[in-house]
């Protein structure tokens, strides 16, 4: 039976918590994981693909968070 994923709203803190959970479970940092994953050394199991996806969201949200902080500072 295939699991169906339901979209869930997450914020930056949620992403950080999810990454830390994977780091504890597998015993290495997200940066180290992603290097190994990108090099093809870890395979394509579901958890690794999810970890890589969460890390991608984390990385792409950083510029948005920076822009929002700068915009708020200019408005304030």
C-alpha atoms as a PDB file:
ATOM      1  CA  UNK A   1       0.000   0.000   0.000  1.00  0.00           C
ATOM      2  CA  UNK A   2       1.386   3.409  -0.967  1.00  0.00           C
ATOM      3  CA  UNK A   3       1.370   6.203   1.600  1.00  0.00           C
ATOM      4  CA  UNK A   4      -0.233   9.443   0.539  1.00  0.00           C
ATOM      5  CA  UNK A   5       1.339  12.649   1.772  1.00  0.00           C
ATOM      6  CA  UNK A   6      -0.905  15.538   2.712  1.00  0.00           C
ATOM      7  CA  UNK A   7       0.595  19.035   2.346  1.00  0.00           C
ATOM      8  CA  UNK A   8       1.222  20.683   5.711  1.00  0.00           C
ATOM      9  CA  UNK A   9       2.100  24.325   6.365  1.00  0.00           C
ATOM     10  CA  UNK A  10       5.558  24.654   7.907  1.00  0.00           C
ATOM     11  CA  UNK A  11       7.668  27.574   9.017  1.00  0.00           C
ATOM     12  CA  UNK A  12      11.423  27.969   9.251  1.00  0.00           C
ATOM     13  CA  UNK A  13      11.497  26.645  12.829  1.00  0.00           C
ATOM     14  CA  UNK A  14       9.582  23.532  11.740  1.00  0.00           C
ATOM     15  CA  UNK A  15      12.121  22.912   8.972  1.00  0.00           C
ATOM     16  CA  UNK A  16      14.972  23.309  11.452  1.00  0.00           C
ATOM     17  CA  UNK A  17      13.369  20.824  13.858  1.00  0.00           C
ATOM     18  CA  UNK A  18      12.818  18.297  11.059  1.00  0.00           C
ATOM     19  CA  UNK A  19      16.455  18.558   9.946  1.00  0.00           C
ATOM     20  CA  UNK A  20      17.683  18.072  13.536  1.00  0.00           C
ATOM     21  CA  UNK A  21      15.489  14.971  13.850  1.00  0.00           C
ATOM     22  CA  UNK A  22      17.142  13.397  10.792  1.00  0.00           C
ATOM     23  CA  UNK A  23      20.598  14.390  12.070  1.00  0.00           C
ATOM     24  CA  UNK A  24      19.969  12.625  15.380  1.00  0.00           C
ATOM     25  CA  UNK A  25      18.504   9.573  13.690  1.00  0.00           C
ATOM     26  CA  UNK A  26      21.317   9.054  11.168  1.00  0.00           C
ATOM     27  CA  UNK A  27      24.238  10.489  13.127  1.00  0.00           C
ATOM     28  CA  UNK A  28      25.594  13.158  10.825  1.00  0.00           C
ATOM     29  CA  UNK A  29      24.887  16.773   9.935  1.00  0.00           C
ATOM     30  CA  UNK A  30      22.496  17.762   7.188  1.00  0.00           C
ATOM     31  CA  UNK A  31      25.388  19.284   5.249  1.00  0.00           C
ATOM     32  CA  UNK A  32      27.335  16.011   5.417  1.00  0.00           C
ATOM     33  CA  UNK A  33      24.215  14.039   4.534  1.00  0.00           C
ATOM     34  CA  UNK A  34      23.519  16.210   1.518  1.00  0.00           C
ATOM     35  CA  UNK A  35      27.096  15.924   0.277  1.00  0.00           C
ATOM     36  CA  UNK A  36      26.908  12.128   0.481  1.00  0.00           C
ATOM     37  CA  UNK A  37      23.401  12.032  -0.975  1.00  0.00           C
ATOM     38  CA  UNK A  38      24.375  14.295  -3.895  1.00  0.00           C
ATOM     39  CA  UNK A  39      27.417  12.110  -4.577  1.00  0.00           C
ATOM     40  CA  UNK A  40      25.104   9.081  -4.845  1.00  0.00           C
ATOM     41  CA  UNK A  41      26.601   7.357  -1.805  1.00  0.00           C
ATOM     42  CA  UNK A  42      23.352   6.892   0.133  1.00  0.00           C
ATOM     43  CA  UNK A  43      20.805   5.622  -2.352  1.00  0.00           C
ATOM     44  CA  UNK A  44      17.243   6.800  -2.833  1.00  0.00           C
ATOM     45  CA  UNK A  45      15.265   5.530   0.117  1.00  0.00           C
ATOM     46  CA  UNK A  46      12.175   7.526   1.084  1.00  0.00           C
ATOM     47  CA  UNK A  47      13.682   9.044   4.227  1.00  0.00           C
ATOM     48  CA  UNK A  48      16.740  10.321   2.405  1.00  0.00           C
ATOM     49  CA  UNK A  49      14.616  11.832  -0.351  1.00  0.00           C
ATOM     50  CA  UNK A  50      12.444  13.536   2.279  1.00  0.00           C
ATOM     51  CA  UNK A  51      15.520  14.828   4.149  1.00  0.00           C
ATOM     52  CA  UNK A  52      16.935  16.233   0.903  1.00  0.00           C
ATOM     53  CA  UNK A  53      13.583  17.877   0.118  1.00  0.00           C
ATOM     54  CA  UNK A  54      13.326  19.457   3.558  1.00  0.00           C
ATOM     55  CA  UNK A  55      16.891  20.738   3.238  1.00  0.00           C
ATOM     56  CA  UNK A  56      16.022  22.254  -0.140  1.00  0.00           C
ATOM     57  CA  UNK A  57      13.052  24.070   1.415  1.00  0.00           C
ATOM     58  CA  UNK A  58      15.287  25.251   4.245  1.00  0.00           C
ATOM     59  CA  UNK A  59      17.898  26.632   1.842  1.00  0.00           C
ATOM     60  CA  UNK A  60      15.388  28.332  -0.435  1.00  0.00           C
ATOM     61  CA  UNK A  61      13.575  29.949   2.489  1.00  0.00           C
ATOM     62  CA  UNK A  62      16.723  31.713   3.770  1.00  0.00           C
ATOM     63  CA  UNK A  63      16.741  34.480   1.104  1.00  0.00           C
ATOM     64  CA  UNK A  64      13.016  35.055   1.626  1.00  0.00           C
ATOM     65  CA  UNK A  65      13.490  35.372   5.388  1.00  0.00           C
ATOM     66  CA  UNK A  66      16.378  37.814   4.863  1.00  0.00           C
ATOM     67  CA  UNK A  67      14.301  39.925   2.462  1.00  0.00           C
ATOM     68  CA  UNK A  68      11.381  40.007   4.913  1.00  0.00           C
ATOM     69  CA  UNK A  69      13.653  41.120   7.786  1.00  0.00           C
ATOM     70  CA  UNK A  70      15.186  43.871   5.649  1.00  0.00           C
ATOM     71  CA  UNK A  71      11.775  44.996   4.412  1.00  0.00           C
ATOM     72  CA  UNK A  72      10.433  45.116   7.978  1.00  0.00           C
ATOM     73  CA  UNK A  73      13.492  47.105   9.128  1.00  0.00           C
ATOM     74  CA  UNK A  74      12.953  49.671   6.368  1.00  0.00           C
ATOM     75  CA  UNK A  75       9.267  49.982   7.216  1.00  0.00           C
ATOM     76  CA  UNK A  76       9.932  50.315  10.944  1.00  0.00           C
END
